[in-house]
Protein backbone atom coordinates (compact mmCIF):
# COMPACT_ATOMS: atom_id res chain seq x y z
CA MET A 1 146.78 117.67 159.23
CA THR A 2 144.91 120.03 156.91
CA THR A 3 146.48 120.86 153.55
CA SER A 4 146.14 124.51 152.55
CA LEU A 5 144.53 125.26 149.22
CA SER A 6 146.90 126.83 146.71
CA ILE A 7 145.05 129.37 144.58
CA ALA A 8 146.41 130.47 141.21
CA PRO A 9 146.01 134.18 140.33
CA ASP A 10 143.37 133.48 137.69
CA GLN A 11 141.43 131.33 140.17
CA SER A 12 141.55 134.17 142.69
CA GLU A 13 139.90 136.41 140.11
CA VAL A 14 137.21 133.80 139.50
CA LEU A 15 136.54 133.47 143.23
CA LEU A 16 136.32 137.25 143.57
CA ARG A 17 133.74 137.40 140.77
CA VAL A 18 131.67 134.69 142.44
CA ILE A 19 131.72 136.55 145.75
CA GLU A 20 130.99 139.94 144.17
CA ALA A 21 128.00 138.56 142.26
CA ALA A 22 126.46 136.80 145.27
CA PRO A 23 124.73 139.87 146.83
CA GLN A 24 122.73 140.32 143.62
CA VAL A 25 121.16 136.88 144.00
CA CYS A 26 117.62 137.23 145.37
CA ARG A 27 115.46 134.88 143.28
CA ARG A 28 115.56 131.16 142.51
CA HIS A 29 116.43 131.63 138.85
CA GLN A 30 119.20 134.07 139.81
CA PHE A 31 120.66 131.52 142.23
CA PHE A 32 120.67 128.91 139.48
CA VAL A 33 122.33 131.23 136.95
CA TRP A 34 124.92 132.28 139.56
CA THR A 35 125.92 128.68 140.27
CA GLN A 36 126.19 127.95 136.55
CA GLY A 37 128.78 130.67 135.87
CA ASP A 38 132.20 131.14 137.46
CA PHE A 39 130.99 129.05 140.40
CA GLN A 40 131.40 125.98 138.16
CA ARG A 41 135.15 126.57 137.88
CA TRP A 42 135.42 126.17 141.64
CA LEU A 43 132.87 123.43 142.15
CA PRO A 44 131.63 121.76 138.94
CA HIS A 45 128.22 120.14 139.27
CA LYS A 46 125.02 119.38 137.37
CA ILE A 47 122.73 119.04 140.40
CA SER A 48 122.58 121.14 143.55
CA ILE A 49 120.26 120.22 146.41
CA CYS A 50 119.80 123.13 148.77
CA GLY A 51 118.11 123.03 152.16
CA SER A 52 117.12 125.88 154.47
CA TYR A 53 115.46 125.82 157.87
CA ASP A 54 111.85 126.98 157.57
CA ARG A 55 110.64 128.46 160.84
CA ASP A 56 106.99 128.00 159.88
CA GLN A 57 107.41 124.30 159.18
CA ARG A 58 110.10 123.90 161.86
CA ASP A 59 112.11 121.73 159.53
CA VAL A 60 114.72 121.95 156.79
CA VAL A 61 113.01 122.34 153.41
CA PHE A 62 114.97 121.23 150.35
CA ASP A 63 114.91 122.43 146.76
CA ILE A 64 116.76 121.09 143.74
CA PHE A 65 118.46 122.89 140.85
CA ASN A 66 119.49 120.66 137.94
CA SER A 67 121.04 121.61 134.61
CA ILE A 68 120.32 118.19 133.08
CA PRO A 69 116.98 116.34 133.09
CA LEU A 70 116.14 114.03 135.98
CA PRO A 71 113.19 111.65 136.45
CA GLU A 72 110.42 113.33 138.42
CA ALA A 73 110.48 110.55 141.02
CA VAL A 74 114.16 111.30 141.67
CA VAL A 75 113.52 115.05 141.92
CA GLN A 76 110.74 114.57 144.46
CA SER A 77 112.78 112.11 146.54
CA LEU A 78 115.82 114.42 146.64
CA ARG A 79 113.59 117.19 148.02
CA SER A 80 112.75 115.07 151.06
CA MET A 81 114.67 115.50 154.31
CA ARG A 82 113.86 111.85 155.01
CA SER A 83 115.34 110.39 151.79
CA GLU A 84 118.16 107.90 152.27
CA ILE A 85 120.59 110.08 150.33
CA VAL A 86 119.95 113.24 152.35
CA GLN A 87 120.20 111.26 155.59
CA ALA A 88 123.45 109.61 154.46
CA ALA A 89 124.81 113.03 153.45
CA LEU A 90 124.02 114.43 156.88
CA THR A 91 125.71 111.48 158.56
CA SER A 92 128.82 111.89 156.38
CA TRP A 93 128.96 115.63 157.11
CA ARG A 94 128.64 115.15 160.85
CA LYS A 95 131.35 112.50 160.82
CA SER A 96 133.63 115.05 159.16
CA ARG A 97 132.97 117.38 162.11
CA SER A 98 130.83 119.73 160.06
CA GLN A 99 133.45 120.22 157.35
CA ALA A 100 132.90 119.68 153.64
CA ALA A 101 132.66 115.95 152.93
CA VAL A 102 132.36 113.60 149.97
CA LEU A 103 129.55 111.06 150.04
CA SER A 104 129.77 107.95 147.86
CA LEU A 105 126.36 106.59 146.86
CA GLN A 106 127.83 103.17 146.17
CA ARG A 107 129.86 102.97 149.40
CA ASP A 108 127.94 105.03 151.97
CA VAL A 109 124.25 104.60 151.09
CA LEU A 110 122.24 101.43 151.65
CA PRO A 111 120.77 100.12 148.37
CA GLN A 112 117.40 101.82 147.82
CA PRO A 113 115.41 102.76 144.68
CA LEU A 114 116.60 106.41 144.77
CA SER A 115 120.31 105.69 145.15
CA ALA A 116 120.08 102.84 142.63
CA ALA A 117 118.44 105.18 140.09
CA LEU A 118 121.15 107.82 140.50
CA ILE A 119 123.94 105.26 140.30
CA GLU A 120 122.40 103.93 137.09
CA LEU A 121 122.46 107.50 135.71
CA GLY A 122 126.19 107.73 136.43
CA TYR A 123 126.16 109.49 139.81
CA ASP A 124 128.27 108.40 142.76
CA GLN A 125 130.21 111.15 144.55
CA VAL A 126 128.28 113.98 146.22
CA MET A 127 129.90 117.01 147.85
CA VAL A 128 128.06 117.99 151.05
CA HIS A 129 128.32 120.89 153.50
CA GLY A 130 126.12 122.89 155.81
CA LEU A 131 125.71 125.27 158.72
CA THR A 132 123.98 124.79 162.06
CA ARG A 133 121.53 127.25 163.61
CA PRO A 134 123.04 129.94 165.84
CA GLY A 135 123.26 128.64 169.39
CA ARG A 136 121.83 125.25 168.37
CA ALA A 137 124.70 123.08 167.19
CA ASP A 138 122.45 120.04 166.66
CA GLU A 139 119.99 121.84 164.34
CA LEU A 140 120.60 122.72 160.70
CA GLU A 141 120.30 126.25 159.33
CA SER A 142 121.24 125.27 155.78
CA PHE A 143 122.59 122.23 153.96
CA PHE A 144 123.95 121.83 150.43
CA MET A 145 124.72 118.87 148.16
CA PHE A 146 126.47 119.08 144.77
CA THR A 147 126.99 116.29 142.27
CA GLN A 148 127.41 115.41 138.63
CA PRO A 149 127.82 112.19 136.65
CA ARG A 150 131.21 110.57 137.08
CA ALA A 151 132.33 113.26 139.53
CA ASP A 152 135.82 112.96 141.01
CA TYR A 153 135.73 115.24 144.04
CA GLY A 154 138.87 115.33 146.16
CA VAL A 155 140.52 117.41 148.85
CA ALA A 156 140.70 120.46 146.57
CA SER A 157 136.94 120.29 145.98
CA GLN A 158 136.29 120.00 149.72
CA GLN A 159 138.46 123.02 150.44
CA ALA A 160 136.78 124.98 147.65
CA LEU A 161 133.37 124.27 149.17
CA ASP A 162 134.67 125.26 152.61
CA MET A 163 135.61 128.63 151.13
CA LEU A 164 132.36 129.05 149.20
CA LEU A 165 129.97 127.93 151.94
CA PRO A 166 129.40 131.33 153.65
CA CYS A 167 128.70 132.89 150.27
CA VAL A 168 126.35 130.08 149.18
CA HIS A 169 124.58 130.12 152.54
CA MET A 170 123.89 133.86 152.49
CA ALA A 171 122.78 133.84 148.86
CA TYR A 172 120.37 130.95 149.34
CA GLN A 173 118.98 132.35 152.59
CA ARG A 174 118.26 135.60 150.77
CA VAL A 175 116.53 133.66 147.99
CA CYS A 176 114.32 131.81 150.47
CA VAL A 177 113.34 135.01 152.29
CA THR A 178 112.61 136.87 149.04
CA GLU A 179 110.57 134.05 147.52
CA ARG A 180 108.59 133.61 150.74
CA GLN A 181 107.80 137.33 150.90
CA MET A 182 106.75 137.41 147.27
CA ASP A 183 104.53 134.35 147.67
CA THR A 184 102.90 135.90 150.74
CA GLY A 185 102.33 139.18 148.91
CA ARG A 186 100.85 137.49 145.85
CA GLY A 187 98.60 135.33 148.02
CA ALA A 188 97.27 138.33 149.93
CA SER A 189 96.74 140.32 146.75
CA TYR A 190 94.77 137.63 144.98
CA ALA A 191 92.82 136.71 148.09
CA SER A 192 91.64 140.31 148.50
CA SER A 193 90.58 140.44 144.87
CA GLY A 194 88.76 137.09 145.10
CA GLN A 195 90.95 135.55 142.40
CA GLY A 196 93.02 132.40 142.54
CA LEU A 197 96.80 132.45 142.24
CA PRO A 198 97.97 132.85 138.63
CA ARG A 199 99.52 129.86 136.94
CA PRO A 200 102.44 130.22 134.54
CA THR A 201 101.48 129.77 130.92
CA PRO A 202 102.64 126.27 129.94
CA ILE A 203 105.10 125.93 127.10
CA THR A 204 104.23 123.67 124.20
CA GLU A 205 106.08 120.46 123.38
CA ARG A 206 107.84 122.20 120.46
CA GLU A 207 108.85 125.12 122.69
CA ARG A 208 110.15 122.69 125.30
CA GLU A 209 112.22 120.94 122.63
CA ILE A 210 113.68 124.24 121.43
CA LEU A 211 114.40 125.31 125.00
CA LEU A 212 116.38 122.11 125.57
CA TRP A 213 118.63 123.00 122.63
CA VAL A 214 118.89 126.60 123.89
CA ARG A 215 120.03 125.17 127.22
CA ASP A 216 122.80 123.33 125.37
CA GLY A 217 124.02 126.60 123.84
CA LEU A 218 122.84 126.13 120.26
CA SER A 219 122.09 129.15 118.08
CA ASN A 220 118.78 129.64 116.28
CA GLN A 221 120.40 128.45 113.04
CA GLN A 222 121.79 125.31 114.67
CA ILE A 223 118.43 124.53 116.27
CA SER A 224 116.67 125.01 112.94
CA GLU A 225 119.02 122.45 111.35
CA LYS A 226 118.35 119.98 114.19
CA LEU A 227 114.56 120.32 113.87
CA GLY A 228 114.24 120.85 110.11
CA ILE A 229 112.56 124.25 110.42
CA SER A 230 113.66 127.78 109.53
CA ALA A 231 115.81 129.91 111.82
CA LEU A 232 113.05 132.55 111.74
CA THR A 233 110.55 130.02 113.09
CA VAL A 234 112.98 129.14 115.87
CA LYS A 235 113.39 132.84 116.67
CA ASN A 236 109.61 133.26 116.90
CA HIS A 237 109.36 130.26 119.23
CA VAL A 238 112.12 131.67 121.45
CA GLN A 239 110.32 135.03 121.66
CA LYS A 240 107.11 133.26 122.71
CA ILE A 241 109.03 131.30 125.34
CA LEU A 242 110.52 134.51 126.77
CA ARG A 243 107.06 136.10 127.00
CA LYS A 244 105.46 133.02 128.60
CA LEU A 245 108.19 132.65 131.22
CA GLY A 246 108.61 136.36 131.84
CA ALA A 247 112.31 136.06 131.00
CA ALA A 248 114.57 138.85 129.76
CA ASN A 249 116.93 136.60 127.82
CA ARG A 250 117.63 133.01 126.80
CA ALA A 251 119.72 132.14 129.89
CA GLN A 252 117.01 133.41 132.21
CA ALA A 253 114.36 131.49 130.28
CA VAL A 254 116.33 128.26 130.71
CA ALA A 255 116.86 128.96 134.42
CA LYS A 256 113.17 129.70 135.02
CA ALA A 257 112.07 126.63 133.05
CA MET A 258 114.38 124.44 135.11
CA THR A 259 113.14 125.81 138.41
CA MET A 260 109.58 125.15 137.17
CA ASN A 261 110.64 121.63 136.09
CA ALA A 262 109.29 122.48 132.64
CA LEU A 263 111.98 120.77 130.56
CA GLY A 264 110.47 117.33 130.53
CA ALA A 265 111.71 115.65 133.70
CA ALA A 266 108.13 114.91 134.66
CA HIS A 267 107.79 112.64 131.63
CA MET A 268 111.02 110.68 132.23
CA GLN A 269 111.39 107.36 133.95
CA PHE A 270 114.42 106.07 135.80
CA GLY A 271 117.39 105.72 133.48
CA GLU A 272 115.89 107.69 130.58
CA SER A 273 117.40 110.84 129.07
CA HIS A 274 116.49 113.53 126.55
CA TYR A 275 119.44 112.36 124.52
């Protein structure tokens, strides 16, 4: 028997804002920012793993959005359709008859380096859901996984994801199409001009450090006190970061840096943290 989800008036307003904002999501950094706003009140998470069927590769291609640092080895493994966690998530979802399901890393996944690393970092429960391709019930169109340290996902979380899934699916599909079109256009443009694809200007170690504090919501003054430099120096660093990343504001800079994996995850090992 399925229990209906009781929605308080204020929660209805939050859900409406999430749905209304979804059509504006066309880029990766916009998807990340969208899931970090009111979306969090419906489904709190620190990591989202999003998969979409790529017709060129004829397979589901995964991407990861994380608001806290992760070891690079973990990031790369979570992007693989063949990883033990993604496979266990798919199995759990299919057992639930394609409804939102909760995967336990400790209970449902055979001990492997990836699951062991995540468990050591405090992860266990993972919310999973997806959609199959039209007319092909055995083939995925999209698949999503959400988790955070010490998560306690229950029936309410599953029902919330059931409600959000169409919105998440359409938003992420639009992101994939837009990014693919832009990559194709950039490739053709630079090929015709005989130039290689441009690379984003790397941020310095100091800029990365400041951006980590920006991500945590600290003001320029608070960052200056943490680092022992003036607030004006912090402001200058932030302005340089915005120019390098092509960001309009601090939130967008953080989102773009995270999608570029520029906040230091590449230098972390299993079990390590910025803090």
